[in-house]
C-alpha atoms as a PDB file:
ATOM      1  CA  MET A   1      -4.948 -21.181  -6.261  1.00  0.00           C
ATOM      2  CA  SER A   2      -7.330 -20.928  -9.178  1.00  0.00           C
ATOM      3  CA  ASN A   3      -6.027 -21.445 -12.742  1.00  0.00           C
ATOM      4  CA  HIS A   4      -6.182 -17.810 -14.064  1.00  0.00           C
ATOM      5  CA  ARG A   5      -6.864 -17.301 -17.719  1.00  0.00           C
ATOM      6  CA  PHE A   6      -6.637 -13.603 -17.987  1.00  0.00           C
ATOM      7  CA  ASP A   7      -3.576 -11.366 -17.952  1.00  0.00           C
ATOM      8  CA  GLU A   8      -4.717  -8.233 -15.937  1.00  0.00           C
ATOM      9  CA  ARG A   9      -2.027  -6.169 -17.677  1.00  0.00           C
ATOM     10  CA  LYS A  10      -3.838  -6.064 -20.982  1.00  0.00           C
ATOM     11  CA  PHE A  11      -6.801  -4.285 -19.316  1.00  0.00           C
ATOM     12  CA  ARG A  12      -4.880  -2.082 -16.794  1.00  0.00           C
ATOM     13  CA  ILE A  13      -4.597   1.643 -17.486  1.00  0.00           C
ATOM     14  CA  LYS A  14      -1.253   3.153 -16.640  1.00  0.00           C
ATOM     15  CA  GLU A  15      -1.094   6.311 -14.646  1.00  0.00           C
ATOM     16  CA  GLY A  16      -1.047   9.351 -16.867  1.00  0.00           C
ATOM     17  CA  GLU A  17      -1.179   7.490 -20.157  1.00  0.00           C
ATOM     18  CA  SER A  18      -3.229   8.843 -23.096  1.00  0.00           C
ATOM     19  CA  ILE A  19      -6.320   6.617 -23.928  1.00  0.00           C
ATOM     20  CA  LYS A  20      -8.877   6.573 -26.665  1.00  0.00           C
ATOM     21  CA  LEU A  21     -11.868   4.391 -25.788  1.00  0.00           C
ATOM     22  CA  ARG A  22     -12.661   4.042 -29.515  1.00  0.00           C
ATOM     23  CA  ASN A  23      -9.314   2.336 -30.069  1.00  0.00           C
ATOM     24  CA  ILE A  24      -9.891  -0.259 -27.221  1.00  0.00           C
ATOM     25  CA  SER A  25     -11.823  -3.320 -28.209  1.00  0.00           C
ATOM     26  CA  THR A  26     -15.284  -3.797 -26.600  1.00  0.00           C
ATOM     27  CA  SER A  27     -15.615  -7.539 -27.524  1.00  0.00           C
ATOM     28  CA  ALA A  28     -14.047 -10.870 -26.568  1.00  0.00           C
ATOM     29  CA  GLY A  29     -12.728 -11.401 -30.137  1.00  0.00           C
ATOM     30  CA  ASP A  30     -11.107 -14.860 -30.617  1.00  0.00           C
ATOM     31  CA  GLU A  31      -9.361 -14.834 -27.362  1.00  0.00           C
ATOM     32  CA  LEU A  32     -11.738 -17.175 -25.427  1.00  0.00           C
ATOM     33  CA  ALA A  33     -14.705 -19.321 -26.353  1.00  0.00           C
ATOM     34  CA  LYS A  34     -17.862 -18.637 -24.378  1.00  0.00           C
ATOM     35  CA  LYS A  35     -17.815 -22.067 -22.800  1.00  0.00           C
ATOM     36  CA  GLN A  36     -14.201 -21.512 -21.638  1.00  0.00           C
ATOM     37  CA  GLY A  37     -15.316 -18.016 -20.166  1.00  0.00           C
ATOM     38  CA  VAL A  38     -18.243 -19.558 -18.392  1.00  0.00           C
ATOM     39  CA  ASP A  39     -16.026 -22.404 -16.962  1.00  0.00           C
ATOM     40  CA  ALA A  40     -13.321 -19.783 -15.884  1.00  0.00           C
ATOM     41  CA  LEU A  41     -16.098 -17.819 -14.117  1.00  0.00           C
ATOM     42  CA  THR A  42     -17.141 -20.915 -12.227  1.00  0.00           C
ATOM     43  CA  VAL A  43     -13.554 -21.737 -11.055  1.00  0.00           C
ATOM     44  CA  ASP A  44     -12.953 -18.050 -10.070  1.00  0.00           C
ATOM     45  CA  ASN A  45     -16.194 -17.877  -8.191  1.00  0.00           C
ATOM     46  CA  ALA A  46     -14.917 -20.871  -6.055  1.00  0.00           C
ATOM     47  CA  ALA A  47     -11.602 -19.232  -5.655  1.00  0.00           C
ATOM     48  CA  LEU A  48     -13.375 -15.963  -4.578  1.00  0.00           C
ATOM     49  CA  GLN A  49     -15.374 -17.870  -1.973  1.00  0.00           C
ATOM     50  CA  GLU A  50     -12.276 -19.340  -0.395  1.00  0.00           C
ATOM     51  CA  SER A  51     -10.263 -16.043  -0.529  1.00  0.00           C
ATOM     52  CA  GLN A  52     -13.220 -14.140   1.016  1.00  0.00           C
ATOM     53  CA  ASN A  53     -13.473 -16.664   3.787  1.00  0.00           C
ATOM     54  CA  ARG A  54      -9.809 -15.978   4.490  1.00  0.00           C
ATOM     55  CA  LEU A  55     -10.220 -12.204   4.207  1.00  0.00           C
ATOM     56  CA  PHE A  56     -13.215 -12.315   6.740  1.00  0.00           C
ATOM     57  CA  ALA A  57     -11.439 -14.807   9.208  1.00  0.00           C
ATOM     58  CA  ALA A  58      -8.095 -12.822   9.225  1.00  0.00           C
ATOM     59  CA  GLY A  59      -9.970  -9.544   9.863  1.00  0.00           C
ATOM     60  CA  GLN A  60      -7.038  -7.344   9.018  1.00  0.00           C
ATOM     61  CA  GLN A  61      -7.611  -6.202   5.384  1.00  0.00           C
ATOM     62  CA  SER A  62     -10.602  -5.320   3.182  1.00  0.00           C
ATOM     63  CA  LEU A  63     -11.435  -4.768  -0.551  1.00  0.00           C
ATOM     64  CA  LEU A  64     -13.221  -2.030  -2.389  1.00  0.00           C
ATOM     65  CA  ILE A  65     -14.437  -2.906  -5.855  1.00  0.00           C
ATOM     66  CA  VAL A  66     -15.625   0.002  -8.150  1.00  0.00           C
ATOM     67  CA  LEU A  67     -17.770  -0.572 -11.218  1.00  0.00           C
ATOM     68  CA  GLN A  68     -18.169   2.257 -13.688  1.00  0.00           C
ATOM     69  CA  GLY A  69     -19.619   2.148 -17.282  1.00  0.00           C
ATOM     70  CA  MET A  70     -22.070   3.797 -19.754  1.00  0.00           C
ATOM     71  CA  ASP A  71     -25.751   3.024 -19.194  1.00  0.00           C
ATOM     72  CA  ALA A  72     -26.414  -0.687 -20.025  1.00  0.00           C
ATOM     73  CA  SER A  73     -22.886  -1.702 -19.849  1.00  0.00           C
ATOM     74  CA  GLY A  74     -23.759  -4.611 -17.666  1.00  0.00           C
ATOM     75  CA  LYS A  75     -22.821  -3.355 -14.019  1.00  0.00           C
ATOM     76  CA  ASP A  76     -25.756  -4.997 -12.394  1.00  0.00           C
ATOM     77  CA  GLY A  77     -25.375  -8.331 -14.036  1.00  0.00           C
ATOM     78  CA  THR A  78     -21.651  -8.166 -13.212  1.00  0.00           C
ATOM     79  CA  VAL A  79     -22.432  -7.802  -9.517  1.00  0.00           C
ATOM     80  CA  ARG A  80     -24.982 -10.743  -9.604  1.00  0.00           C
ATOM     81  CA  HIS A  81     -22.696 -13.198 -11.444  1.00  0.00           C
ATOM     82  CA  VAL A  82     -19.327 -12.376 -10.157  1.00  0.00           C
ATOM     83  CA  ILE A  83     -20.237 -12.114  -6.475  1.00  0.00           C
ATOM     84  CA  SER A  84     -22.650 -15.081  -6.624  1.00  0.00           C
ATOM     85  CA  GLY A  85     -20.267 -17.349  -4.729  1.00  0.00           C
ATOM     86  CA  VAL A  86     -19.422 -14.827  -1.960  1.00  0.00           C
ATOM     87  CA  ASN A  87     -20.923 -15.046   1.514  1.00  0.00           C
ATOM     88  CA  PRO A  88     -23.349 -12.085   1.717  1.00  0.00           C
ATOM     89  CA  GLN A  89     -22.382 -11.617   5.385  1.00  0.00           C
ATOM     90  CA  GLY A  90     -18.939 -10.496   4.149  1.00  0.00           C
ATOM     91  CA  CYS A  91     -19.960  -8.280   1.245  1.00  0.00           C
ATOM     92  CA  ARG A  92     -21.923  -5.104   0.839  1.00  0.00           C
ATOM     93  CA  ILE A  93     -23.227  -3.539  -2.480  1.00  0.00           C
ATOM     94  CA  TYR A  94     -24.039   0.106  -2.873  1.00  0.00           C
ATOM     95  CA  GLY A  95     -25.498   1.823  -5.716  1.00  0.00           C
ATOM     96  CA  PHE A  96     -24.670   5.503  -6.290  1.00  0.00           C
ATOM     97  CA  ARG A  97     -27.563   7.666  -7.791  1.00  0.00           C
ATOM     98  CA  ALA A  98     -27.873  11.280  -7.622  1.00  0.00           C
ATOM     99  CA  PRO A  99     -26.775  12.739  -4.355  1.00  0.00           C
ATOM    100  CA  ASN A 100     -29.496  13.769  -1.793  1.00  0.00           C
ATOM    101  CA  SER A 101     -29.769  17.092  -0.123  1.00  0.00           C
ATOM    102  CA  GLU A 102     -27.574  16.170   2.812  1.00  0.00           C
ATOM    103  CA  GLU A 103     -24.806  14.695   0.663  1.00  0.00           C
ATOM    104  CA  LEU A 104     -24.730  17.881  -1.458  1.00  0.00           C
ATOM    105  CA  GLN A 105     -23.765  19.834   1.664  1.00  0.00           C
ATOM    106  CA  HIS A 106     -20.402  17.792   2.008  1.00  0.00           C
ATOM    107  CA  HIS A 107     -17.269  17.148   0.076  1.00  0.00           C
ATOM    108  CA  PHE A 108     -18.083  14.662  -2.589  1.00  0.00           C
ATOM    109  CA  LEU A 109     -15.832  12.073  -0.943  1.00  0.00           C
ATOM    110  CA  TRP A 110     -17.865  12.324   2.318  1.00  0.00           C
ATOM    111  CA  ARG A 111     -20.551  10.108   0.678  1.00  0.00           C
ATOM    112  CA  PRO A 112     -18.479   7.061  -0.068  1.00  0.00           C
ATOM    113  CA  MET A 113     -16.721   7.070   3.302  1.00  0.00           C
ATOM    114  CA  ARG A 114     -19.886   5.884   5.052  1.00  0.00           C
ATOM    115  CA  PHE A 115     -19.880   2.694   2.789  1.00  0.00           C
ATOM    116  CA  LEU A 116     -16.241   1.693   2.813  1.00  0.00           C
ATOM    117  CA  PRO A 117     -15.548  -1.939   3.857  1.00  0.00           C
ATOM    118  CA  ALA A 118     -14.649  -2.742   7.369  1.00  0.00           C
ATOM    119  CA  ARG A 119     -11.623  -4.958   7.998  1.00  0.00           C
ATOM    120  CA  GLY A 120     -12.551  -8.460   6.615  1.00  0.00           C
ATOM    121  CA  MET A 121     -15.184  -7.096   4.287  1.00  0.00           C
ATOM    122  CA  ILE A 122     -15.874  -6.362   0.684  1.00  0.00           C
ATOM    123  CA  SER A 123     -17.662  -3.455  -0.605  1.00  0.00           C
ATOM    124  CA  ILE A 124     -18.789  -3.099  -4.257  1.00  0.00           C
ATOM    125  CA  PHE A 125     -19.687   0.397  -5.517  1.00  0.00           C
ATOM    126  CA  ASN A 126     -22.175   0.103  -8.453  1.00  0.00           C
ATOM    127  CA  ARG A 127     -21.264   3.611  -9.903  1.00  0.00           C
ATOM    128  CA  SER A 128     -19.338   5.580  -7.283  1.00  0.00           C
ATOM    129  CA  TYR A 129     -17.558   8.848  -6.386  1.00  0.00           C
ATOM    130  CA  TYR A 130     -16.212   8.895  -9.904  1.00  0.00           C
ATOM    131  CA  GLU A 131     -19.647  10.136 -11.114  1.00  0.00           C
ATOM    132  CA  GLU A 132     -18.349  13.522  -9.762  1.00  0.00           C
ATOM    133  CA  VAL A 133     -15.784  13.567 -12.439  1.00  0.00           C
ATOM    134  CA  ILE A 134     -17.635  11.903 -15.203  1.00  0.00           C
ATOM    135  CA  VAL A 135     -21.435  12.649 -15.019  1.00  0.00           C
ATOM    136  CA  VAL A 136     -20.991  16.063 -13.421  1.00  0.00           C
ATOM    137  CA  ARG A 137     -18.372  17.000 -15.900  1.00  0.00           C
ATOM    138  CA  VAL A 138     -20.790  16.296 -18.722  1.00  0.00           C
ATOM    139  CA  HIS A 139     -23.482  18.138 -16.657  1.00  0.00           C
ATOM    140  CA  PRO A 140     -21.661  21.000 -14.995  1.00  0.00           C
ATOM    141  CA  GLU A 141     -25.026  22.328 -14.089  1.00  0.00           C
ATOM    142  CA  PHE A 142     -24.956  19.723 -11.251  1.00  0.00           C
ATOM    143  CA  LEU A 143     -22.298  21.705  -9.589  1.00  0.00           C
ATOM    144  CA  SER A 144     -24.737  24.510  -8.724  1.00  0.00           C
ATOM    145  CA  PRO A 145     -26.581  22.824  -5.778  1.00  0.00           C
ATOM    146  CA  GLN A 146     -23.190  21.902  -4.232  1.00  0.00           C
ATOM    147  CA  ASN A 147     -22.558  25.464  -3.192  1.00  0.00           C
ATOM    148  CA  LEU A 148     -18.742  25.117  -3.787  1.00  0.00           C
ATOM    149  CA  PRO A 149     -16.131  27.787  -2.953  1.00  0.00           C
ATOM    150  CA  PRO A 150     -15.224  29.940  -5.852  1.00  0.00           C
ATOM    151  CA  TYR A 151     -12.829  28.462  -8.523  1.00  0.00           C
ATOM    152  CA  LYS A 152     -11.333  30.162 -11.559  1.00  0.00           C
ATOM    153  CA  LYS A 153     -11.831  27.448 -14.322  1.00  0.00           C
ATOM    154  CA  LEU A 154     -13.811  24.163 -14.494  1.00  0.00           C
ATOM    155  CA  SER A 155     -10.701  22.449 -15.804  1.00  0.00           C
ATOM    156  CA  ASP A 156      -9.038  23.372 -12.393  1.00  0.00           C
ATOM    157  CA  LEU A 157     -11.851  21.859 -10.568  1.00  0.00           C
ATOM    158  CA  TRP A 158     -11.677  18.462 -12.342  1.00  0.00           C
ATOM    159  CA  LEU A 159      -7.811  18.342 -11.811  1.00  0.00           C
ATOM    160  CA  ARG A 160      -8.235  19.105  -8.126  1.00  0.00           C
ATOM    161  CA  ARG A 161     -10.835  16.292  -7.823  1.00  0.00           C
ATOM    162  CA  TYR A 162      -8.571  13.845  -9.589  1.00  0.00           C
ATOM    163  CA  GLU A 163      -5.833  14.602  -7.016  1.00  0.00           C
ATOM    164  CA  GLU A 164      -8.283  14.271  -4.036  1.00  0.00           C
ATOM    165  CA  ILE A 165      -9.421  10.889  -5.366  1.00  0.00           C
ATOM    166  CA  ARG A 166      -5.768   9.731  -5.715  1.00  0.00           C
ATOM    167  CA  VAL A 167      -5.123  10.902  -2.107  1.00  0.00           C
ATOM    168  CA  PHE A 168      -8.336   9.356  -0.889  1.00  0.00           C
ATOM    169  CA  GLU A 169      -7.493   5.990  -2.398  1.00  0.00           C
ATOM    170  CA  GLN A 170      -4.009   6.043  -1.092  1.00  0.00           C
ATOM    171  CA  VAL A 171      -5.206   6.608   2.445  1.00  0.00           C
ATOM    172  CA  LEU A 172      -7.490   3.422   1.902  1.00  0.00           C
ATOM    173  CA  LEU A 173      -4.546   1.514   0.790  1.00  0.00           C
ATOM    174  CA  ASN A 174      -2.412   2.620   3.713  1.00  0.00           C
ATOM    175  CA  SER A 175      -5.193   1.405   6.163  1.00  0.00           C
ATOM    176  CA  GLY A 176      -5.378  -2.087   4.517  1.00  0.00           C
ATOM    177  CA  THR A 177      -8.195  -1.511   1.930  1.00  0.00           C
ATOM    178  CA  SER A 178      -7.417  -2.719  -1.654  1.00  0.00           C
ATOM    179  CA  VAL A 179      -8.933  -0.745  -4.337  1.00  0.00           C
ATOM    180  CA  LEU A 180      -9.896  -2.393  -7.704  1.00  0.00           C
ATOM    181  CA  LYS A 181     -11.737  -0.294 -10.355  1.00  0.00           C
ATOM    182  CA  PHE A 182     -13.433  -1.646 -13.399  1.00  0.00           C
ATOM    183  CA  PHE A 183     -14.770   0.269 -16.452  1.00  0.00           C
ATOM    184  CA  LEU A 184     -17.129  -1.852 -18.396  1.00  0.00           C
ATOM    185  CA  HIS A 185     -16.474  -0.697 -21.937  1.00  0.00           C
ATOM    186  CA  VAL A 186     -19.471  -1.293 -24.091  1.00  0.00           C
ATOM    187  CA  SER A 187     -19.852  -0.030 -27.761  1.00  0.00           C
ATOM    188  CA  LYS A 188     -22.617   2.363 -28.749  1.00  0.00           C
ATOM    189  CA  ASP A 189     -24.154  -0.207 -31.099  1.00  0.00           C
ATOM    190  CA  GLU A 190     -24.314  -2.764 -28.223  1.00  0.00           C
ATOM    191  CA  GLN A 191     -25.714  -0.215 -25.873  1.00  0.00           C
ATOM    192  CA  LYS A 192     -28.505   0.507 -28.401  1.00  0.00           C
ATOM    193  CA  ALA A 193     -29.217  -3.294 -28.705  1.00  0.00           C
ATOM    194  CA  ARG A 194     -29.590  -3.537 -24.975  1.00  0.00           C
ATOM    195  CA  MET A 195     -31.862  -0.421 -24.706  1.00  0.00           C
ATOM    196  CA  LEU A 196     -34.065  -1.797 -27.454  1.00  0.00           C
ATOM    197  CA  GLU A 197     -34.414  -5.025 -25.545  1.00  0.00           C
ATOM    198  CA  ARG A 198     -35.505  -3.107 -22.525  1.00  0.00           C
ATOM    199  CA  LEU A 199     -38.162  -1.290 -24.591  1.00  0.00           C
ATOM    200  CA  THR A 200     -39.453  -4.491 -26.359  1.00  0.00           C
ATOM    201  CA  GLN A 201     -39.138  -7.227 -23.719  1.00  0.00           C
ATOM    202  CA  PRO A 202     -41.667  -7.201 -20.878  1.00  0.00           C
ATOM    203  CA  SER A 203     -39.390  -8.918 -18.445  1.00  0.00           C
ATOM    204  CA  LYS A 204     -36.693  -5.981 -19.073  1.00  0.00           C
ATOM    205  CA  ARG A 205     -38.925  -2.956 -19.294  1.00  0.00           C
ATOM    206  CA  TRP A 206     -38.474  -2.278 -15.515  1.00  0.00           C
ATOM    207  CA  LYS A 207     -34.809  -1.451 -16.341  1.00  0.00           C
ATOM    208  CA  PHE A 208     -35.674   1.223 -18.867  1.00  0.00           C
ATOM    209  CA  ASN A 209     -35.188   4.806 -17.950  1.00  0.00           C
ATOM    210  CA  GLU A 210     -36.335   7.365 -20.541  1.00  0.00           C
ATOM    211  CA  ASN A 211     -33.462   9.653 -19.430  1.00  0.00           C
ATOM    212  CA  ASP A 212     -30.930   7.090 -20.631  1.00  0.00           C
ATOM    213  CA  LEU A 213     -31.870   8.026 -24.246  1.00  0.00           C
ATOM    214  CA  GLU A 214     -30.987  11.660 -23.575  1.00  0.00           C
ATOM    215  CA  GLU A 215     -27.641  10.550 -21.999  1.00  0.00           C
ATOM    216  CA  ARG A 216     -26.897   8.505 -25.083  1.00  0.00           C
ATOM    217  CA  LYS A 217     -26.926  11.660 -27.104  1.00  0.00           C
ATOM    218  CA  LEU A 218     -23.971  12.868 -24.962  1.00  0.00           C
ATOM    219  CA  TRP A 219     -21.940   9.846 -25.793  1.00  0.00           C
ATOM    220  CA  ASP A 220     -18.873  11.800 -27.045  1.00  0.00           C
ATOM    221  CA  LYS A 221     -18.771  14.086 -24.059  1.00  0.00           C
ATOM    222  CA  TYR A 222     -18.970  10.989 -21.773  1.00  0.00           C
ATOM    223  CA  GLU A 223     -16.072   9.403 -23.704  1.00  0.00           C
ATOM    224  CA  GLN A 224     -13.961  12.368 -23.246  1.00  0.00           C
ATOM    225  CA  ALA A 225     -14.655  12.686 -19.565  1.00  0.00           C
ATOM    226  CA  ILE A 226     -13.739   9.019 -19.059  1.00  0.00           C
ATOM    227  CA  GLU A 227     -10.621   9.323 -21.223  1.00  0.00           C
ATOM    228  CA  ASP A 228      -9.458  12.018 -18.948  1.00  0.00           C
ATOM    229  CA  ALA A 229     -10.467  10.607 -15.579  1.00  0.00           C
ATOM    230  CA  LEU A 230      -9.235   7.106 -15.874  1.00  0.00           C
ATOM    231  CA  PRO A 231      -5.514   7.794 -16.556  1.00  0.00           C
ATOM    232  CA  ALA A 232      -5.605  10.612 -14.079  1.00  0.00           C
ATOM    233  CA  THR A 233      -6.760   8.408 -11.221  1.00  0.00           C
ATOM    234  CA  SER A 234      -5.198   4.982 -12.130  1.00  0.00           C
ATOM    235  CA  THR A 235      -2.233   4.162 -10.078  1.00  0.00           C
ATOM    236  CA  LYS A 236      -0.139   1.066  -9.568  1.00  0.00           C
ATOM    237  CA  SER A 237      -1.699   0.341  -6.184  1.00  0.00           C
ATOM    238  CA  ALA A 238      -5.345   1.414  -7.208  1.00  0.00           C
ATOM    239  CA  PRO A 239      -5.519   0.448 -10.890  1.00  0.00           C
ATOM    240  CA  TRP A 240      -8.307   1.067 -13.400  1.00  0.00           C
ATOM    241  CA  TYR A 241      -9.150  -1.843 -15.694  1.00  0.00           C
ATOM    242  CA  VAL A 242     -11.031  -1.300 -19.060  1.00  0.00           C
ATOM    243  CA  ILE A 243     -12.971  -4.503 -19.575  1.00  0.00           C
ATOM    244  CA  PRO A 244     -14.567  -5.328 -22.887  1.00  0.00           C
ATOM    245  CA  ALA A 245     -18.269  -5.561 -22.082  1.00  0.00           C
ATOM    246  CA  ASP A 246     -20.150  -6.292 -25.361  1.00  0.00           C
ATOM    247  CA  ASP A 247     -19.858 -10.003 -24.434  1.00  0.00           C
ATOM    248  CA  LYS A 248     -21.327 -10.188 -20.953  1.00  0.00           C
ATOM    249  CA  TRP A 249     -19.779 -13.580 -20.258  1.00  0.00           C
ATOM    250  CA  TYR A 250     -16.275 -12.398 -21.072  1.00  0.00           C
ATOM    251  CA  ALA A 251     -16.578  -9.150 -18.937  1.00  0.00           C
ATOM    252  CA  ARG A 252     -17.694 -11.290 -15.957  1.00  0.00           C
ATOM    253  CA  ALA A 253     -15.105 -13.860 -16.331  1.00  0.00           C
ATOM    254  CA  ALA A 254     -12.270 -11.253 -16.647  1.00  0.00           C
ATOM    255  CA  ILE A 255     -13.381  -9.343 -13.666  1.00  0.00           C
ATOM    256  CA  ALA A 256     -13.864 -12.337 -11.486  1.00  0.00           C
ATOM    257  CA  ASP A 257     -10.398 -13.604 -12.504  1.00  0.00           C
ATOM    258  CA  ILE A 258      -8.763 -10.266 -11.592  1.00  0.00           C
ATOM    259  CA  ILE A 259     -10.424 -10.112  -8.239  1.00  0.00           C
ATOM    260  CA  ALA A 260      -9.610 -13.656  -7.332  1.00  0.00           C
ATOM    261  CA  ALA A 261      -5.977 -13.246  -8.431  1.00  0.00           C
ATOM    262  CA  HIS A 262      -5.779 -10.168  -6.297  1.00  0.00           C
ATOM    263  CA  LEU A 263      -7.144 -11.651  -3.177  1.00  0.00           C
ATOM    264  CA  GLU A 264      -4.878 -14.619  -3.545  1.00  0.00           C
ATOM    265  CA  SER A 265      -1.922 -12.352  -3.920  1.00  0.00           C
ATOM    266  CA  LEU A 266      -2.568 -11.007  -0.363  1.00  0.00           C
ATOM    267  CA  GLY A 267      -1.386 -14.392   1.060  1.00  0.00           C
ATOM    268  CA  LEU A 268      -4.151 -14.292   3.614  1.00  0.00           C
ATOM    269  CA  GLU A 269      -4.300 -17.149   6.137  1.00  0.00           C
ATOM    270  CA  TYR A 270      -6.743 -18.288   8.620  1.00  0.00           C
ATOM    271  CA  PRO A 271      -5.823 -17.154  12.308  1.00  0.00           C
ATOM    272  CA  LYS A 272      -3.471 -19.412  14.043  1.00  0.00           C
ATOM    273  CA  VAL A 273      -4.256 -20.508  17.596  1.00  0.00           C
ATOM    274  CA  SER A 274      -1.759 -20.879  20.410  1.00  0.00           C
ATOM    275  CA  GLU A 275      -0.427 -24.372  21.579  1.00  0.00           C
ATOM    276  CA  GLU A 276      -2.556 -23.850  24.745  1.00  0.00           C
ATOM    277  CA  ASP A 277      -5.620 -23.369  22.718  1.00  0.00           C
ATOM    278  CA  GLU A 278      -4.803 -26.355  20.539  1.00  0.00           C
ATOM    279  CA  ALA A 279      -4.596 -28.635  23.447  1.00  0.00           C
ATOM    280  CA  LYS A 280      -7.931 -27.112  24.778  1.00  0.00           C
ATOM    281  CA  PHE A 281      -9.720 -27.678  21.457  1.00  0.00           C
ATOM    282  CA  ALA A 282      -8.446 -31.284  21.290  1.00  0.00           C
ATOM    283  CA  LEU A 283      -9.708 -32.003  24.781  1.00  0.00           C
ATOM    284  CA  LEU A 284     -13.106 -30.330  23.849  1.00  0.00           C
ATOM    285  CA  ALA A 285     -13.515 -32.348  20.782  1.00  0.00           C
ATOM    286  CA  GLU A 286     -12.781 -35.485  22.692  1.00  0.00           C
ATOM    287  CA  GLN A 287     -15.355 -34.592  25.158  1.00  0.00           C
ATOM    288  CA  LEU A 288     -17.816 -33.932  22.319  1.00  0.00           C
ATOM    289  CA  LYS A 289     -17.072 -37.335  20.838  1.00  0.00           C
ATOM    290  CA  ASN A 290     -17.700 -39.127  23.988  1.00  0.00           C
ATOM    291  CA  GLU A 291     -20.895 -37.426  25.125  1.00  0.00           C
END
């Protein structure tokens, strides 16, 4: 068991509660020194590796991790640092960009179903089906190519999608797939600083997308969409965590800690063999020693 330093309850969004992102801190504050956070990440990465081995060996359960956040909130870096100790054979990472022509002809939850983790596996969604109640809500014109059946009000559509997401995630839980959802909460000032880095540092220019500046102008609309979507889709079994992300080391340490603690809570064990197989293995081991 790893020595967990974070209380996941301080980040968890309760189902149906009213939230204001501007009232939730985006920084580590004085809670943890950077060195402590880096050390905690190292410990939790080791715990993740052991827990993932048990998850894979047992082959009965799986884990879906969802990462959402504003542009430049640190989703890619979180994937690299948090999952660095995990065996890549047991983990798949998927990035959700704009849906293609085939995906647009299906229900929006058809798309993630193809990338869900098999038993024993971990899937990480870098952005996800939640784009359909966040980005699409900010840009309702994106609904046009979806050719949806008629609906009376846009507000009804979002409420229906929240309910469909809750049902979808409950089906996953019923089949043995845990669902952990993290919103990387970055301030507007920190986003500006990171975008300036992408514009001025040659090693980071490949990350820059000119459209990000246009989306930044819609900050308030994105906040409103997120403030509605997270409480409406956070449940006790499939919770949302709002993680302060201005300090990258803190966000990574907190997320790794929550994931490691969850996997440990599953009580996974390596498969046990029968007494007959134990005797057989002992005999084979003796033969190998004496060859």
